[in-house]
Amino acid sequence: MSFVHHLTLGYLEPAAIARASAEVLRELSPEVRALVQRRTEKDSREHEIYRFLIGGQTGTLTPTLVRLPWFSPGVNAESVGLAIELVSLGCIAADVAHARVVTLPELLASLQA
């Protein structure tokens, strides 16, 4: 049995991440939302939640967060590539379940694993 380990991205409060919480400072920019929608294959849309496929797994986009499949059990390289682009646009990447910010060097290193 395997599980999916997720990355959460957005304009997040780093201090809240340390408490395993994704506290949002503001909504995602139109540029971030457009990038996610361009780079992914739409699966469904319910109200404000856009579900998509990336690397064969499901991710979500809301007005405030992007949630990407990261490991399951191998690295989802498409997710990491998108996460790198989102970080370059000012988003913070977080492993909320493990209460830590994920840095750009960590994202790049995960592609080498």
N, C-alpha and C. Protein backbone atom coordinates (compact mmCIF):
# COMPACT_ATOMS: atom_id res chain seq x y z
N MET A 1 0.84 -1.18 0.00
CA MET A 1 0.00 0.00 0.00
C MET A 1 0.89 1.24 0.00
N SER A 2 0.61 2.17 -0.91
CA SER A 2 1.39 3.40 -0.95
C SER A 2 0.47 4.59 -0.73
N PHE A 3 1.08 5.70 -0.38
CA PHE A 3 0.32 6.91 -0.16
C PHE A 3 0.94 8.02 -0.99
N VAL A 4 0.20 9.09 -1.17
CA VAL A 4 0.69 10.24 -1.91
C VAL A 4 1.12 11.31 -0.92
N HIS A 5 2.32 11.79 -1.09
CA HIS A 5 2.86 12.87 -0.27
C HIS A 5 2.69 14.15 -1.10
N HIS A 6 2.12 15.20 -0.52
CA HIS A 6 1.77 16.40 -1.29
C HIS A 6 2.63 17.61 -0.96
N LEU A 7 2.75 18.47 -1.96
CA LEU A 7 3.29 19.82 -1.79
C LEU A 7 2.12 20.78 -1.81
N THR A 8 2.13 21.75 -0.93
CA THR A 8 1.13 22.81 -0.92
C THR A 8 1.86 24.10 -1.28
N LEU A 9 1.33 24.84 -2.25
CA LEU A 9 1.97 26.06 -2.69
C LEU A 9 0.99 27.22 -2.68
N GLY A 10 1.50 28.39 -2.39
CA GLY A 10 0.70 29.60 -2.40
C GLY A 10 1.43 30.69 -1.65
N TYR A 11 0.73 31.76 -1.36
CA TYR A 11 1.30 32.86 -0.58
C TYR A 11 0.99 32.53 0.88
N LEU A 12 1.87 31.73 1.47
CA LEU A 12 1.64 31.13 2.78
C LEU A 12 2.46 31.82 3.87
N GLU A 13 1.96 31.75 5.09
CA GLU A 13 2.65 32.28 6.26
C GLU A 13 3.62 31.21 6.76
N PRO A 14 4.94 31.46 6.65
CA PRO A 14 5.92 30.44 7.06
C PRO A 14 5.78 30.01 8.52
N ALA A 15 5.45 30.91 9.41
CA ALA A 15 5.31 30.54 10.83
C ALA A 15 4.18 29.53 11.03
N ALA A 16 3.13 29.63 10.25
CA ALA A 16 2.02 28.69 10.36
C ALA A 16 2.42 27.31 9.84
N ILE A 17 3.26 27.28 8.82
CA ILE A 17 3.72 26.00 8.27
C ILE A 17 4.45 25.21 9.37
N ALA A 18 5.21 25.91 10.19
CA ALA A 18 5.93 25.26 11.29
C ALA A 18 4.98 24.62 12.30
N ARG A 19 3.71 25.03 12.28
CA ARG A 19 2.67 24.43 13.14
C ARG A 19 1.81 23.44 12.34
N ALA A 20 2.29 23.03 11.17
CA ALA A 20 1.57 22.10 10.28
C ALA A 20 0.23 22.67 9.83
N SER A 21 0.23 23.97 9.54
CA SER A 21 -0.97 24.66 9.08
C SER A 21 -0.64 25.48 7.84
N ALA A 22 -1.56 25.52 6.90
CA ALA A 22 -1.37 26.31 5.68
C ALA A 22 -2.19 27.58 5.79
N GLU A 23 -1.64 28.59 6.45
CA GLU A 23 -2.32 29.88 6.61
C GLU A 23 -2.00 30.74 5.39
N VAL A 24 -3.04 31.17 4.71
CA VAL A 24 -2.90 31.91 3.46
C VAL A 24 -2.86 33.40 3.73
N LEU A 25 -1.89 34.08 3.12
CA LEU A 25 -1.77 35.52 3.27
C LEU A 25 -2.62 36.28 2.26
N ARG A 26 -2.77 35.70 1.06
CA ARG A 26 -3.61 36.31 0.02
C ARG A 26 -3.92 35.28 -1.06
N GLU A 27 -4.87 35.62 -1.90
CA GLU A 27 -5.23 34.72 -2.99
C GLU A 27 -4.10 34.60 -4.00
N LEU A 28 -4.14 33.53 -4.75
CA LEU A 28 -3.16 33.33 -5.82
C LEU A 28 -3.34 34.40 -6.89
N SER A 29 -2.25 34.80 -7.48
CA SER A 29 -2.31 35.79 -8.56
C SER A 29 -2.92 35.15 -9.81
N PRO A 30 -3.51 35.96 -10.68
CA PRO A 30 -4.02 35.42 -11.95
C PRO A 30 -2.92 34.71 -12.74
N GLU A 31 -1.69 35.20 -12.65
CA GLU A 31 -0.57 34.58 -13.36
C GLU A 31 -0.32 33.16 -12.87
N VAL A 32 -0.37 32.96 -11.56
CA VAL A 32 -0.16 31.62 -10.97
C VAL A 32 -1.29 30.69 -11.40
N ARG A 33 -2.53 31.15 -11.29
CA ARG A 33 -3.68 30.32 -11.66
C ARG A 33 -3.61 29.92 -13.13
N ALA A 34 -3.28 30.89 -14.00
CA ALA A 34 -3.19 30.62 -15.43
C ALA A 34 -2.08 29.61 -15.73
N LEU A 35 -0.94 29.71 -15.05
CA LEU A 35 0.16 28.78 -15.27
C LEU A 35 -0.27 27.36 -14.92
N VAL A 36 -0.93 27.18 -13.79
CA VAL A 36 -1.38 25.84 -13.38
C VAL A 36 -2.36 25.29 -14.42
N GLN A 37 -3.29 26.10 -14.85
CA GLN A 37 -4.28 25.62 -15.81
C GLN A 37 -3.66 25.31 -17.17
N ARG A 38 -2.63 26.04 -17.58
CA ARG A 38 -1.95 25.76 -18.85
C ARG A 38 -1.15 24.48 -18.78
N ARG A 39 -0.52 24.21 -17.63
CA ARG A 39 0.41 23.09 -17.50
C ARG A 39 -0.24 21.77 -17.12
N THR A 40 -1.55 21.75 -16.87
CA THR A 40 -2.20 20.54 -16.38
C THR A 40 -3.36 20.13 -17.26
N GLU A 41 -3.77 18.90 -17.08
CA GLU A 41 -4.92 18.34 -17.80
C GLU A 41 -6.12 18.37 -16.87
N LYS A 42 -7.14 19.14 -17.25
CA LYS A 42 -8.31 19.31 -16.40
C LYS A 42 -9.01 17.98 -16.16
N ASP A 43 -9.35 17.75 -14.90
CA ASP A 43 -10.07 16.54 -14.51
C ASP A 43 -11.52 16.92 -14.21
N SER A 44 -11.73 17.90 -13.35
CA SER A 44 -13.08 18.36 -13.04
C SER A 44 -13.02 19.72 -12.35
N ARG A 45 -14.17 20.36 -12.26
CA ARG A 45 -14.26 21.64 -11.56
C ARG A 45 -15.54 21.64 -10.74
N GLU A 46 -15.37 21.88 -9.46
CA GLU A 46 -16.52 21.97 -8.56
C GLU A 46 -16.41 23.29 -7.83
N HIS A 47 -17.35 24.18 -8.05
CA HIS A 47 -17.36 25.49 -7.39
C HIS A 47 -16.03 26.18 -7.64
N GLU A 48 -15.27 26.44 -6.59
CA GLU A 48 -14.00 27.14 -6.70
C GLU A 48 -12.81 26.19 -6.81
N ILE A 49 -13.05 24.88 -6.81
CA ILE A 49 -11.95 23.90 -6.83
C ILE A 49 -11.77 23.35 -8.24
N TYR A 50 -10.57 23.48 -8.74
CA TYR A 50 -10.19 22.96 -10.06
C TYR A 50 -9.31 21.74 -9.82
N ARG A 51 -9.78 20.57 -10.21
CA ARG A 51 -8.99 19.34 -10.05
C ARG A 51 -8.34 19.03 -11.39
N PHE A 52 -7.11 18.59 -11.34
CA PHE A 52 -6.37 18.34 -12.58
C PHE A 52 -5.47 17.13 -12.42
N LEU A 53 -5.03 16.61 -13.55
CA LEU A 53 -4.08 15.50 -13.56
C LEU A 53 -2.71 16.05 -13.91
N ILE A 54 -1.72 15.59 -13.15
CA ILE A 54 -0.33 15.96 -13.42
C ILE A 54 0.52 14.74 -13.10
N GLY A 55 1.26 14.28 -14.08
CA GLY A 55 2.05 13.07 -13.88
C GLY A 55 1.20 11.86 -13.53
N GLY A 56 -0.04 11.85 -14.03
CA GLY A 56 -0.94 10.73 -13.79
C GLY A 56 -1.63 10.74 -12.44
N GLN A 57 -1.43 11.79 -11.66
CA GLN A 57 -2.04 11.89 -10.33
C GLN A 57 -2.85 13.17 -10.22
N THR A 58 -3.72 13.23 -9.22
CA THR A 58 -4.62 14.36 -9.07
C THR A 58 -4.03 15.45 -8.20
N GLY A 59 -4.14 16.68 -8.69
CA GLY A 59 -3.79 17.88 -7.93
C GLY A 59 -5.01 18.77 -7.85
N THR A 60 -4.93 19.81 -7.03
CA THR A 60 -6.05 20.74 -6.91
C THR A 60 -5.55 22.18 -6.93
N LEU A 61 -6.41 23.04 -7.45
CA LEU A 61 -6.17 24.47 -7.49
C LEU A 61 -7.40 25.14 -6.91
N THR A 62 -7.22 25.96 -5.89
CA THR A 62 -8.29 26.75 -5.32
C THR A 62 -7.90 28.22 -5.49
N PRO A 63 -8.73 29.15 -5.13
CA PRO A 63 -8.33 30.55 -5.24
C PRO A 63 -7.10 30.91 -4.38
N THR A 64 -6.78 30.07 -3.39
CA THR A 64 -5.69 30.41 -2.48
C THR A 64 -4.52 29.44 -2.45
N LEU A 65 -4.70 28.22 -2.94
CA LEU A 65 -3.66 27.18 -2.84
C LEU A 65 -3.58 26.31 -4.07
N VAL A 66 -2.39 25.75 -4.28
CA VAL A 66 -2.18 24.68 -5.25
C VAL A 66 -1.67 23.50 -4.44
N ARG A 67 -2.26 22.34 -4.66
CA ARG A 67 -1.82 21.12 -3.97
C ARG A 67 -1.39 20.12 -5.05
N LEU A 68 -0.12 19.73 -4.98
CA LEU A 68 0.46 18.86 -6.00
C LEU A 68 0.92 17.53 -5.40
N PRO A 69 0.72 16.43 -6.13
CA PRO A 69 1.29 15.16 -5.69
C PRO A 69 2.81 15.22 -5.85
N TRP A 70 3.55 14.86 -4.80
CA TRP A 70 5.01 15.01 -4.82
C TRP A 70 5.69 13.65 -4.89
N PHE A 71 5.44 12.79 -3.91
CA PHE A 71 6.00 11.44 -3.88
C PHE A 71 4.86 10.44 -3.78
N SER A 72 4.98 9.31 -4.48
CA SER A 72 3.96 8.25 -4.30
C SER A 72 4.33 6.94 -5.01
N PRO A 73 5.21 6.17 -4.68
CA PRO A 73 6.35 6.41 -3.82
C PRO A 73 7.49 7.14 -4.52
N GLY A 74 7.50 7.17 -5.86
CA GLY A 74 8.56 7.92 -6.55
C GLY A 74 8.20 9.39 -6.71
N VAL A 75 9.15 10.17 -7.15
CA VAL A 75 8.96 11.61 -7.33
C VAL A 75 8.09 11.85 -8.57
N ASN A 76 7.11 12.74 -8.43
CA ASN A 76 6.30 13.17 -9.57
C ASN A 76 7.04 14.36 -10.19
N ALA A 77 7.86 14.09 -11.21
CA ALA A 77 8.72 15.11 -11.81
C ALA A 77 7.91 16.27 -12.41
N GLU A 78 6.75 15.97 -12.98
CA GLU A 78 5.92 17.05 -13.54
C GLU A 78 5.46 18.01 -12.44
N SER A 79 5.08 17.47 -11.30
CA SER A 79 4.69 18.31 -10.16
C SER A 79 5.85 19.17 -9.68
N VAL A 80 7.02 18.55 -9.58
CA VAL A 80 8.19 19.30 -9.10
C VAL A 80 8.52 20.42 -10.08
N GLY A 81 8.45 20.14 -11.37
CA GLY A 81 8.71 21.18 -12.37
C GLY A 81 7.75 22.35 -12.24
N LEU A 82 6.47 22.04 -12.05
CA LEU A 82 5.47 23.10 -11.86
C LEU A 82 5.73 23.84 -10.55
N ALA A 83 6.06 23.11 -9.50
CA ALA A 83 6.35 23.75 -8.20
C ALA A 83 7.51 24.72 -8.33
N ILE A 84 8.55 24.35 -9.06
CA ILE A 84 9.69 25.24 -9.26
C ILE A 84 9.25 26.53 -9.95
N GLU A 85 8.41 26.40 -10.95
CA GLU A 85 7.89 27.60 -11.63
C GLU A 85 7.06 28.47 -10.69
N LEU A 86 6.23 27.83 -9.86
CA LEU A 86 5.39 28.59 -8.93
C LEU A 86 6.23 29.31 -7.87
N VAL A 87 7.29 28.66 -7.40
CA VAL A 87 8.19 29.31 -6.44
C VAL A 87 8.86 30.51 -7.10
N SER A 88 9.21 30.39 -8.37
CA SER A 88 9.83 31.52 -9.07
C SER A 88 8.87 32.69 -9.23
N LEU A 89 7.56 32.43 -9.11
CA LEU A 89 6.54 33.49 -9.17
C LEU A 89 6.18 34.02 -7.79
N GLY A 90 6.89 33.58 -6.76
CA GLY A 90 6.69 34.12 -5.42
C GLY A 90 5.92 33.23 -4.45
N CYS A 91 5.49 32.06 -4.91
CA CYS A 91 4.78 31.15 -4.01
C CYS A 91 5.76 30.48 -3.05
N ILE A 92 5.27 30.10 -1.90
CA ILE A 92 6.03 29.30 -0.95
C ILE A 92 5.57 27.86 -1.11
N ALA A 93 6.54 26.94 -1.17
CA ALA A 93 6.24 25.51 -1.23
C ALA A 93 6.35 24.95 0.18
N ALA A 94 5.37 24.13 0.56
CA ALA A 94 5.36 23.59 1.91
C ALA A 94 4.99 22.11 1.91
N ASP A 95 5.63 21.41 2.82
CA ASP A 95 5.26 20.05 3.17
C ASP A 95 4.50 20.22 4.49
N VAL A 96 3.23 20.56 4.38
CA VAL A 96 2.44 20.91 5.56
C VAL A 96 2.33 19.74 6.53
N ALA A 97 2.19 18.54 6.02
CA ALA A 97 2.06 17.36 6.88
C ALA A 97 3.28 17.17 7.79
N HIS A 98 4.44 17.63 7.32
CA HIS A 98 5.67 17.52 8.11
C HIS A 98 6.15 18.87 8.63
N ALA A 99 5.28 19.87 8.56
CA ALA A 99 5.51 21.19 9.16
C ALA A 99 6.81 21.85 8.71
N ARG A 100 7.02 21.87 7.37
CA ARG A 100 8.25 22.51 6.91
C ARG A 100 8.07 23.17 5.55
N VAL A 101 8.82 24.25 5.37
CA VAL A 101 8.90 24.92 4.08
C VAL A 101 9.85 24.09 3.22
N VAL A 102 9.52 23.93 1.95
CA VAL A 102 10.39 23.20 1.02
C VAL A 102 11.08 24.24 0.14
N THR A 103 12.38 24.26 0.19
CA THR A 103 13.15 25.27 -0.53
C THR A 103 13.36 24.87 -2.00
N LEU A 104 13.74 25.85 -2.79
CA LEU A 104 14.03 25.59 -4.19
C LEU A 104 15.15 24.55 -4.35
N PRO A 105 16.25 24.65 -3.59
CA PRO A 105 17.27 23.59 -3.72
C PRO A 105 16.73 22.19 -3.37
N GLU A 106 15.82 22.09 -2.41
CA GLU A 106 15.22 20.79 -2.08
C GLU A 106 14.38 20.27 -3.23
N LEU A 107 13.62 21.16 -3.87
CA LEU A 107 12.81 20.74 -5.02
C LEU A 107 13.72 20.23 -6.13
N LEU A 108 14.79 20.97 -6.43
CA LEU A 108 15.71 20.55 -7.47
C LEU A 108 16.36 19.22 -7.12
N ALA A 109 16.73 19.06 -5.84
CA ALA A 109 17.37 17.80 -5.42
C ALA A 109 16.41 16.62 -5.52
N SER A 110 15.11 16.88 -5.29
CA SER A 110 14.15 15.76 -5.36
C SER A 110 14.05 15.19 -6.77
N LEU A 111 14.39 16.00 -7.78
CA LEU A 111 14.40 15.50 -9.15
C LEU A 111 15.56 14.55 -9.40
N GLN A 112 16.62 14.68 -8.61
CA GLN A 112 17.81 13.84 -8.75
C GLN A 112 17.67 12.52 -8.00
N ALA A 113 16.69 12.45 -7.09
CA ALA A 113 16.54 11.26 -6.24
C ALA A 113 16.09 10.05 -7.03
